[in-house]
Amino acid sequence: MAGLVGVAAATRASTATKAPITTTTPASSATTSTTRIPSTTTTMPQPAGTIATAVGVVQAICRSAWGEREPSGPMTSHTIDRMTVHHTASLLEGNQMAPALARVHENRHMVDRGWVDLAYHFLVDANGNVYEGRPVTAVGDTMTDYDPTGHFLVCAEGDFNNQAIPAAQVSAVADVLAWGAVHFEVDPSTIQGHRDWATTSCPGDNFYSLISEGNLEQAVRDRIAAGAPGLSILCGDAAEQRVADIEAGLA
């Protein structure tokens, strides 16, 4: 994932403790103090087909920083009991476009579809940056024939029928799912792709193979065993700078 900037120190959760959500909102760029999480992970060679594990804090860019508007109406609450992975089906030719594409998806969902918010709870770009979406307490939306009530929806930016999914993106998706598994007390065996629930190719063959072969589930279990990550919502100047860095190809 992208380097941690302005992250509040978060308590790591065990499988018996819900992983926390913290919010980092610097008052201004001139007064922001940066707390960096010390690197204690030794990188070891990974066998083919595995997903690298690095446990820490999942840092999501807050809605306002990437340009997401406020929900247009009331939402339906739910209790999450499973986790479902999507892709946007938009070919990502350069990660600099990821924030703009997130806004395109939101506009399509809210304006064209008439939904109250972005359909997904989190978006993840090619470099592993995580974007806050619809509140996790609210049911997501879908244009296919399944009911997303109870589903924790994590969406990877890209078209994985026509492009490979980068390792950094897969790793960040696994981080978010590991947080979700602990926070919502959901077993990683519930991880499925959109196509498992509806007539669709989502999340693309190249991503779905990691689900069907168990690699994504195992990566989530490895993270939980190591001490599942917390979740920090990055807001304010630091979040806006992160978006600017992404658009400049620096993050």
C-alpha atoms as a PDB file:
ATOM      1  CA  MET A   1       0.000   0.000   0.000  1.00  0.00           C
ATOM      2  CA  ALA A   2       0.943   3.644  -0.220  1.00  0.00           C
ATOM      3  CA  GLY A   3       3.105   4.947   2.622  1.00  0.00           C
ATOM      4  CA  LEU A   4       1.331   6.000   5.776  1.00  0.00           C
ATOM      5  CA  VAL A   5       0.967   9.776   6.091  1.00  0.00           C
ATOM      6  CA  GLY A   6      -0.518  11.530   9.115  1.00  0.00           C
ATOM      7  CA  VAL A   7      -1.918   8.341  10.516  1.00  0.00           C
ATOM      8  CA  ALA A   8      -3.181   8.205  14.083  1.00  0.00           C
ATOM      9  CA  ALA A   9      -1.712   5.328  16.055  1.00  0.00           C
ATOM     10  CA  ALA A  10      -4.347   2.611  16.120  1.00  0.00           C
ATOM     11  CA  THR A  11      -4.721  -0.317  18.467  1.00  0.00           C
ATOM     12  CA  ARG A  12      -4.173  -3.569  16.692  1.00  0.00           C
ATOM     13  CA  ALA A  13      -7.033  -5.986  17.039  1.00  0.00           C
ATOM     14  CA  SER A  14      -6.873  -9.667  17.813  1.00  0.00           C
ATOM     15  CA  THR A  15      -9.454 -12.101  16.527  1.00  0.00           C
ATOM     16  CA  ALA A  16     -11.285 -11.652  19.820  1.00  0.00           C
ATOM     17  CA  THR A  17     -11.392  -7.839  19.642  1.00  0.00           C
ATOM     18  CA  LYS A  18     -13.094  -5.712  17.040  1.00  0.00           C
ATOM     19  CA  ALA A  19     -10.623  -3.828  14.878  1.00  0.00           C
ATOM     20  CA  PRO A  20     -11.046  -0.110  15.547  1.00  0.00           C
ATOM     21  CA  ILE A  21     -11.848   2.740  13.210  1.00  0.00           C
ATOM     22  CA  THR A  22      -9.984   5.975  13.882  1.00  0.00           C
ATOM     23  CA  THR A  23     -10.181   9.270  12.044  1.00  0.00           C
ATOM     24  CA  THR A  24      -7.175  11.466  11.314  1.00  0.00           C
ATOM     25  CA  THR A  25      -8.077  15.087  10.578  1.00  0.00           C
ATOM     26  CA  PRO A  26      -5.081  17.440  10.692  1.00  0.00           C
ATOM     27  CA  ALA A  27      -5.995  21.025  11.600  1.00  0.00           C
ATOM     28  CA  SER A  28      -3.725  22.449   8.905  1.00  0.00           C
ATOM     29  CA  SER A  29      -0.692  21.454   6.914  1.00  0.00           C
ATOM     30  CA  ALA A  30       1.428  23.819   8.993  1.00  0.00           C
ATOM     31  CA  THR A  31       0.474  22.296  12.325  1.00  0.00           C
ATOM     32  CA  THR A  32       0.081  18.644  11.453  1.00  0.00           C
ATOM     33  CA  SER A  33       2.269  16.254  13.388  1.00  0.00           C
ATOM     34  CA  THR A  34       2.899  12.950  11.713  1.00  0.00           C
ATOM     35  CA  THR A  35       2.885   9.719  13.658  1.00  0.00           C
ATOM     36  CA  ARG A  36       4.622   7.001  11.740  1.00  0.00           C
ATOM     37  CA  ILE A  37       4.154   3.345  12.482  1.00  0.00           C
ATOM     38  CA  PRO A  38       7.566   1.737  12.910  1.00  0.00           C
ATOM     39  CA  SER A  39       8.372  -0.936  10.393  1.00  0.00           C
ATOM     40  CA  THR A  40       8.795  -4.246  12.187  1.00  0.00           C
ATOM     41  CA  THR A  41       7.918  -6.592   9.341  1.00  0.00           C
ATOM     42  CA  THR A  42      10.676  -8.580   7.701  1.00  0.00           C
ATOM     43  CA  THR A  43       9.983  -9.246   4.034  1.00  0.00           C
ATOM     44  CA  MET A  44      10.453 -12.902   3.162  1.00  0.00           C
ATOM     45  CA  PRO A  45      10.285 -14.508  -0.273  1.00  0.00           C
ATOM     46  CA  GLN A  46       6.704 -15.511  -1.071  1.00  0.00           C
ATOM     47  CA  PRO A  47       5.841 -18.842  -2.690  1.00  0.00           C
ATOM     48  CA  ALA A  48       4.166 -18.547  -6.079  1.00  0.00           C
ATOM     49  CA  GLY A  49       0.463 -17.770  -5.817  1.00  0.00           C
ATOM     50  CA  THR A  50       0.629 -16.274  -2.326  1.00  0.00           C
ATOM     51  CA  ILE A  51      -0.171 -12.719  -1.290  1.00  0.00           C
ATOM     52  CA  ALA A  52       2.350 -10.858   0.852  1.00  0.00           C
ATOM     53  CA  THR A  53       1.260 -10.080   4.423  1.00  0.00           C
ATOM     54  CA  ALA A  54       2.020  -6.800   6.200  1.00  0.00           C
ATOM     55  CA  VAL A  55      -0.143  -6.014   9.209  1.00  0.00           C
ATOM     56  CA  GLY A  56      -0.639  -2.445  10.399  1.00  0.00           C
ATOM     57  CA  VAL A  57      -3.300   0.165   9.792  1.00  0.00           C
ATOM     58  CA  VAL A  58      -5.543   0.266   6.744  1.00  0.00           C
ATOM     59  CA  GLN A  59      -5.704   3.950   5.858  1.00  0.00           C
ATOM     60  CA  ALA A  60      -8.707   5.047   3.804  1.00  0.00           C
ATOM     61  CA  ILE A  61      -8.954   8.455   2.136  1.00  0.00           C
ATOM     62  CA  CYS A  62     -12.084  10.149   3.437  1.00  0.00           C
ATOM     63  CA  ARG A  63     -15.017  10.884   1.168  1.00  0.00           C
ATOM     64  CA  SER A  64     -14.586  14.642   0.988  1.00  0.00           C
ATOM     65  CA  ALA A  65     -10.883  14.423   0.089  1.00  0.00           C
ATOM     66  CA  TRP A  66     -11.449  12.404  -3.082  1.00  0.00           C
ATOM     67  CA  GLY A  67     -14.551  14.374  -4.030  1.00  0.00           C
ATOM     68  CA  GLU A  68     -17.420  12.137  -2.992  1.00  0.00           C
ATOM     69  CA  ARG A  69     -20.614  14.061  -2.354  1.00  0.00           C
ATOM     70  CA  GLU A  70     -22.862  13.518   0.626  1.00  0.00           C
ATOM     71  CA  PRO A  71     -25.556  10.810   0.371  1.00  0.00           C
ATOM     72  CA  SER A  72     -28.696  12.083  -1.325  1.00  0.00           C
ATOM     73  CA  GLY A  73     -31.141  10.442   1.061  1.00  0.00           C
ATOM     74  CA  PRO A  74     -31.690   7.962   3.875  1.00  0.00           C
ATOM     75  CA  MET A  75     -30.031   4.562   3.751  1.00  0.00           C
ATOM     76  CA  THR A  76     -31.081   1.116   4.907  1.00  0.00           C
ATOM     77  CA  SER A  77     -29.055  -0.247   7.808  1.00  0.00           C
ATOM     78  CA  HIS A  78     -27.888  -3.840   7.968  1.00  0.00           C
ATOM     79  CA  THR A  79     -25.709  -6.275   9.875  1.00  0.00           C
ATOM     80  CA  ILE A  80     -22.737  -7.493   7.868  1.00  0.00           C
ATOM     81  CA  ASP A  81     -22.408 -11.271   7.742  1.00  0.00           C
ATOM     82  CA  ARG A  82     -20.344 -11.856   4.584  1.00  0.00           C
ATOM     83  CA  MET A  83     -17.810 -10.171   2.323  1.00  0.00           C
ATOM     84  CA  THR A  84     -18.122  -9.699  -1.435  1.00  0.00           C
ATOM     85  CA  VAL A  85     -15.481  -8.489  -3.872  1.00  0.00           C
ATOM     86  CA  HIS A  86     -16.187  -6.458  -7.020  1.00  0.00           C
ATOM     87  CA  HIS A  87     -14.293  -4.690  -9.784  1.00  0.00           C
ATOM     88  CA  THR A  88     -15.376  -1.474 -11.475  1.00  0.00           C
ATOM     89  CA  ALA A  89     -15.009  -2.987 -14.975  1.00  0.00           C
ATOM     90  CA  SER A  90     -13.330   0.260 -16.087  1.00  0.00           C
ATOM     91  CA  LEU A  91      -9.928  -0.248 -17.692  1.00  0.00           C
ATOM     92  CA  LEU A  92      -7.394   1.582 -15.527  1.00  0.00           C
ATOM     93  CA  GLU A  93      -4.588   2.650 -17.855  1.00  0.00           C
ATOM     94  CA  GLY A  94      -2.813   4.794 -15.265  1.00  0.00           C
ATOM     95  CA  ASN A  95      -3.361   4.995 -11.524  1.00  0.00           C
ATOM     96  CA  GLN A  96      -3.256   8.805 -11.721  1.00  0.00           C
ATOM     97  CA  MET A  97      -6.834   8.541 -13.000  1.00  0.00           C
ATOM     98  CA  ALA A  98      -8.107   6.605  -9.974  1.00  0.00           C
ATOM     99  CA  PRO A  99      -9.586   9.553  -7.996  1.00  0.00           C
ATOM    100  CA  ALA A 100     -11.318  10.892 -11.115  1.00  0.00           C
ATOM    101  CA  LEU A 101     -12.695   7.437 -11.910  1.00  0.00           C
ATOM    102  CA  ALA A 102     -14.013   7.138  -8.354  1.00  0.00           C
ATOM    103  CA  ARG A 103     -15.991  10.321  -8.977  1.00  0.00           C
ATOM    104  CA  VAL A 104     -17.222   8.953 -12.310  1.00  0.00           C
ATOM    105  CA  HIS A 105     -18.496   5.801 -10.594  1.00  0.00           C
ATOM    106  CA  GLU A 106     -20.191   7.848  -7.887  1.00  0.00           C
ATOM    107  CA  ASN A 107     -21.851  10.072 -10.480  1.00  0.00           C
ATOM    108  CA  ARG A 108     -23.048   7.065 -12.451  1.00  0.00           C
ATOM    109  CA  HIS A 109     -24.475   5.478  -9.311  1.00  0.00           C
ATOM    110  CA  MET A 110     -26.140   8.581  -7.884  1.00  0.00           C
ATOM    111  CA  VAL A 111     -27.205  10.417 -11.042  1.00  0.00           C
ATOM    112  CA  ASP A 112     -27.686   7.723 -13.672  1.00  0.00           C
ATOM    113  CA  ARG A 113     -28.923   4.991 -11.318  1.00  0.00           C
ATOM    114  CA  GLY A 114     -30.612   7.209  -8.753  1.00  0.00           C
ATOM    115  CA  TRP A 115     -28.917   5.523  -5.807  1.00  0.00           C
ATOM    116  CA  VAL A 116     -28.286   7.501  -2.616  1.00  0.00           C
ATOM    117  CA  ASP A 117     -24.505   6.966  -2.622  1.00  0.00           C
ATOM    118  CA  LEU A 118     -21.617   5.073  -4.187  1.00  0.00           C
ATOM    119  CA  ALA A 119     -22.605   1.400  -4.262  1.00  0.00           C
ATOM    120  CA  TYR A 120     -19.514   0.097  -2.418  1.00  0.00           C
ATOM    121  CA  HIS A 121     -18.172   0.495   1.092  1.00  0.00           C
ATOM    122  CA  PHE A 122     -14.547   0.829  -0.050  1.00  0.00           C
ATOM    123  CA  LEU A 123     -12.709   1.281  -3.349  1.00  0.00           C
ATOM    124  CA  VAL A 124      -9.088   0.182  -3.819  1.00  0.00           C
ATOM    125  CA  ASP A 125      -6.874   1.496  -6.633  1.00  0.00           C
ATOM    126  CA  ALA A 126      -3.986  -0.172  -8.455  1.00  0.00           C
ATOM    127  CA  ASN A 127      -1.346   1.138  -6.047  1.00  0.00           C
ATOM    128  CA  GLY A 128      -3.263  -0.006  -2.974  1.00  0.00           C
ATOM    129  CA  ASN A 129      -4.780   3.341  -1.994  1.00  0.00           C
ATOM    130  CA  VAL A 130      -8.114   2.833  -0.236  1.00  0.00           C
ATOM    131  CA  TYR A 131     -11.068   5.213  -0.687  1.00  0.00           C
ATOM    132  CA  GLU A 132     -13.912   5.544   1.798  1.00  0.00           C
ATOM    133  CA  GLY A 133     -17.290   4.897   0.185  1.00  0.00           C
ATOM    134  CA  ARG A 134     -20.778   4.223   1.454  1.00  0.00           C
ATOM    135  CA  PRO A 135     -21.005   3.872   5.253  1.00  0.00           C
ATOM    136  CA  VAL A 136     -20.404   0.257   6.244  1.00  0.00           C
ATOM    137  CA  THR A 137     -23.580   0.355   8.332  1.00  0.00           C
ATOM    138  CA  ALA A 138     -25.657   0.867   5.159  1.00  0.00           C
ATOM    139  CA  VAL A 139     -26.714  -1.714   2.572  1.00  0.00           C
ATOM    140  CA  GLY A 140     -24.894  -1.278  -0.721  1.00  0.00           C
ATOM    141  CA  ASP A 141     -26.461  -1.215  -4.170  1.00  0.00           C
ATOM    142  CA  THR A 142     -26.251  -3.352  -7.276  1.00  0.00           C
ATOM    143  CA  MET A 143     -27.546  -3.335 -10.834  1.00  0.00           C
ATOM    144  CA  THR A 144     -27.630  -7.146 -10.828  1.00  0.00           C
ATOM    145  CA  ASP A 145     -30.065  -9.688  -9.444  1.00  0.00           C
ATOM    146  CA  TYR A 146     -28.920 -10.206  -5.863  1.00  0.00           C
ATOM    147  CA  ASP A 147     -29.708  -8.602  -2.523  1.00  0.00           C
ATOM    148  CA  PRO A 148     -26.550  -6.983  -1.042  1.00  0.00           C
ATOM    149  CA  THR A 149     -28.027  -6.814   2.462  1.00  0.00           C
ATOM    150  CA  GLY A 150     -25.398  -8.133   4.875  1.00  0.00           C
ATOM    151  CA  HIS A 151     -22.578  -7.881   2.323  1.00  0.00           C
ATOM    152  CA  PHE A 152     -19.377  -5.936   3.054  1.00  0.00           C
ATOM    153  CA  LEU A 153     -18.632  -4.607  -0.437  1.00  0.00           C
ATOM    154  CA  VAL A 154     -15.012  -3.999  -1.427  1.00  0.00           C
ATOM    155  CA  CYS A 155     -14.390  -2.933  -5.016  1.00  0.00           C
ATOM    156  CA  ALA A 156     -11.088  -2.941  -6.911  1.00  0.00           C
ATOM    157  CA  GLU A 157     -10.603  -0.264  -9.574  1.00  0.00           C
ATOM    158  CA  GLY A 158      -9.965  -1.859 -12.962  1.00  0.00           C
ATOM    159  CA  ASP A 159     -11.263  -4.338 -15.515  1.00  0.00           C
ATOM    160  CA  PHE A 160      -9.825  -7.694 -14.526  1.00  0.00           C
ATOM    161  CA  ASN A 161     -11.225  -9.543 -17.478  1.00  0.00           C
ATOM    162  CA  ASN A 162      -8.836  -7.493 -19.609  1.00  0.00           C
ATOM    163  CA  GLN A 163      -5.948  -6.575 -17.309  1.00  0.00           C
ATOM    164  CA  ALA A 164      -3.965  -8.218 -14.546  1.00  0.00           C
ATOM    165  CA  ILE A 165      -4.587  -7.107 -10.991  1.00  0.00           C
ATOM    166  CA  PRO A 166      -1.459  -5.584  -9.379  1.00  0.00           C
ATOM    167  CA  ALA A 167      -0.002  -7.189  -6.253  1.00  0.00           C
ATOM    168  CA  ALA A 168      -0.325  -3.932  -4.285  1.00  0.00           C
ATOM    169  CA  GLN A 169      -4.030  -3.785  -5.082  1.00  0.00           C
ATOM    170  CA  VAL A 170      -4.664  -7.391  -4.051  1.00  0.00           C
ATOM    171  CA  SER A 171      -2.709  -6.839  -0.836  1.00  0.00           C
ATOM    172  CA  ALA A 172      -4.757  -3.759   0.046  1.00  0.00           C
ATOM    173  CA  VAL A 173      -8.026  -5.576  -0.672  1.00  0.00           C
ATOM    174  CA  ALA A 174      -6.864  -8.354   1.664  1.00  0.00           C
ATOM    175  CA  ASP A 175      -6.048  -5.740   4.331  1.00  0.00           C
ATOM    176  CA  VAL A 176      -9.535  -4.231   4.115  1.00  0.00           C
ATOM    177  CA  LEU A 177     -11.176  -7.654   4.204  1.00  0.00           C
ATOM    178  CA  ALA A 178      -9.080  -8.688   7.211  1.00  0.00           C
ATOM    179  CA  TRP A 179     -10.208  -5.567   9.052  1.00  0.00           C
ATOM    180  CA  GLY A 180     -13.804  -6.316   8.060  1.00  0.00           C
ATOM    181  CA  ALA A 181     -13.595  -9.946   9.152  1.00  0.00           C
ATOM    182  CA  VAL A 182     -12.498  -8.941  12.641  1.00  0.00           C
ATOM    183  CA  HIS A 183     -14.613  -5.798  12.996  1.00  0.00           C
ATOM    184  CA  PHE A 184     -17.833  -7.494  11.885  1.00  0.00           C
ATOM    185  CA  GLU A 185     -16.945 -10.924  13.295  1.00  0.00           C
ATOM    186  CA  VAL A 186     -17.310 -12.557   9.894  1.00  0.00           C
ATOM    187  CA  ASP A 187     -15.391 -15.668   8.873  1.00  0.00           C
ATOM    188  CA  PRO A 188     -13.066 -15.261   5.862  1.00  0.00           C
ATOM    189  CA  SER A 189     -14.741 -18.302   4.304  1.00  0.00           C
ATOM    190  CA  THR A 190     -17.605 -15.949   3.381  1.00  0.00           C
ATOM    191  CA  ILE A 191     -15.387 -14.069   0.892  1.00  0.00           C
ATOM    192  CA  GLN A 192     -16.886 -14.441  -2.558  1.00  0.00           C
ATOM    193  CA  GLY A 193     -16.958 -12.610  -5.851  1.00  0.00           C
ATOM    194  CA  HIS A 194     -19.924 -10.729  -7.235  1.00  0.00           C
ATOM    195  CA  ARG A 195     -20.352 -13.486  -9.840  1.00  0.00           C
ATOM    196  CA  ASP A 196     -21.068 -15.977  -7.056  1.00  0.00           C
ATOM    197  CA  TRP A 197     -24.279 -14.065  -6.340  1.00  0.00           C
ATOM    198  CA  ALA A 198     -25.458 -12.803  -9.718  1.00  0.00           C
ATOM    199  CA  THR A 199     -25.166 -13.276 -13.465  1.00  0.00           C
ATOM    200  CA  THR A 200     -22.058 -11.202 -14.102  1.00  0.00           C
ATOM    201  CA  SER A 201     -18.363 -11.639 -14.866  1.00  0.00           C
ATOM    202  CA  CYS A 202     -17.439  -9.348 -11.933  1.00  0.00           C
ATOM    203  CA  PRO A 203     -14.810  -9.162 -10.441  1.00  0.00           C
ATOM    204  CA  GLY A 204     -13.122 -10.341 -13.646  1.00  0.00           C
ATOM    205  CA  ASP A 205     -11.412 -13.654 -14.353  1.00  0.00           C
ATOM    206  CA  ASN A 206      -7.953 -12.477 -13.297  1.00  0.00           C
ATOM    207  CA  PHE A 207      -9.176 -11.393  -9.870  1.00  0.00           C
ATOM    208  CA  TYR A 208     -11.750 -14.119  -9.380  1.00  0.00           C
ATOM    209  CA  SER A 209      -9.096 -16.822  -9.693  1.00  0.00           C
ATOM    210  CA  LEU A 210      -7.567 -15.555  -6.431  1.00  0.00           C
ATOM    211  CA  ILE A 211     -10.952 -16.036  -4.779  1.00  0.00           C
ATOM    212  CA  SER A 212     -11.878 -19.405  -6.284  1.00  0.00           C
ATOM    213  CA  GLU A 213      -8.441 -20.879  -5.577  1.00  0.00           C
ATOM    214  CA  GLY A 214      -8.506 -19.673  -1.970  1.00  0.00           C
ATOM    215  CA  ASN A 215      -5.505 -17.324  -2.184  1.00  0.00           C
ATOM    216  CA  LEU A 216      -7.437 -14.233  -1.090  1.00  0.00           C
ATOM    217  CA  GLU A 217      -9.094 -16.030   1.815  1.00  0.00           C
ATOM    218  CA  GLN A 218      -5.719 -17.366   2.957  1.00  0.00           C
ATOM    219  CA  ALA A 219      -4.179 -13.893   2.766  1.00  0.00           C
ATOM    220  CA  VAL A 220      -6.969 -12.589   4.983  1.00  0.00           C
ATOM    221  CA  ARG A 221      -6.484 -15.433   7.461  1.00  0.00           C
ATOM    222  CA  ASP A 222      -2.739 -14.747   7.544  1.00  0.00           C
ATOM    223  CA  ARG A 223      -3.402 -11.104   8.406  1.00  0.00           C
ATOM    224  CA  ILE A 224      -5.825 -12.031  11.166  1.00  0.00           C
ATOM    225  CA  ALA A 225      -3.347 -14.523  12.620  1.00  0.00           C
ATOM    226  CA  ALA A 226      -0.663 -11.825  12.616  1.00  0.00           C
ATOM    227  CA  GLY A 227      -2.959  -9.298  14.324  1.00  0.00           C
ATOM    228  CA  ALA A 228      -5.578  -7.903  11.966  1.00  0.00           C
ATOM    229  CA  PRO A 229      -5.118  -4.277  10.890  1.00  0.00           C
ATOM    230  CA  GLY A 230      -7.096  -1.404  12.301  1.00  0.00           C
ATOM    231  CA  LEU A 231      -8.753   1.120  10.014  1.00  0.00           C
ATOM    232  CA  SER A 232      -7.918   4.828   9.940  1.00  0.00           C
ATOM    233  CA  ILE A 233      -9.912   7.351   7.903  1.00  0.00           C
ATOM    234  CA  LEU A 234      -7.492  10.002   6.626  1.00  0.00           C
ATOM    235  CA  CYS A 235      -9.092  13.460   6.337  1.00  0.00           C
ATOM    236  CA  GLY A 236      -8.094  17.110   6.034  1.00  0.00           C
ATOM    237  CA  ASP A 237      -4.923  18.462   4.453  1.00  0.00           C
ATOM    238  CA  ALA A 238      -3.079  15.145   4.583  1.00  0.00           C
ATOM    239  CA  ALA A 239      -5.886  13.392   2.717  1.00  0.00           C
ATOM    240  CA  GLU A 240      -6.050  16.101   0.065  1.00  0.00           C
ATOM    241  CA  GLN A 241      -2.285  15.841  -0.357  1.00  0.00           C
ATOM    242  CA  ARG A 242      -2.575  12.067  -0.749  1.00  0.00           C
ATOM    243  CA  VAL A 243      -5.107  12.549  -3.551  1.00  0.00           C
ATOM    244  CA  ALA A 244      -2.834  15.132  -5.198  1.00  0.00           C
ATOM    245  CA  ASP A 245       0.059  12.681  -4.953  1.00  0.00           C
ATOM    246  CA  ILE A 246      -2.022   9.936  -6.555  1.00  0.00           C
ATOM    247  CA  GLU A 247      -3.009  12.252  -9.401  1.00  0.00           C
ATOM    248  CA  ALA A 248       0.655  13.188  -9.868  1.00  0.00           C
ATOM    249  CA  GLY A 249       1.694   9.537 -10.012  1.00  0.00           C
ATOM    250  CA  LEU A 250       3.510   9.701  -6.673  1.00  0.00           C
ATOM    251  CA  ALA A 251       1.281   7.414  -4.603  1.00  0.00           C
END
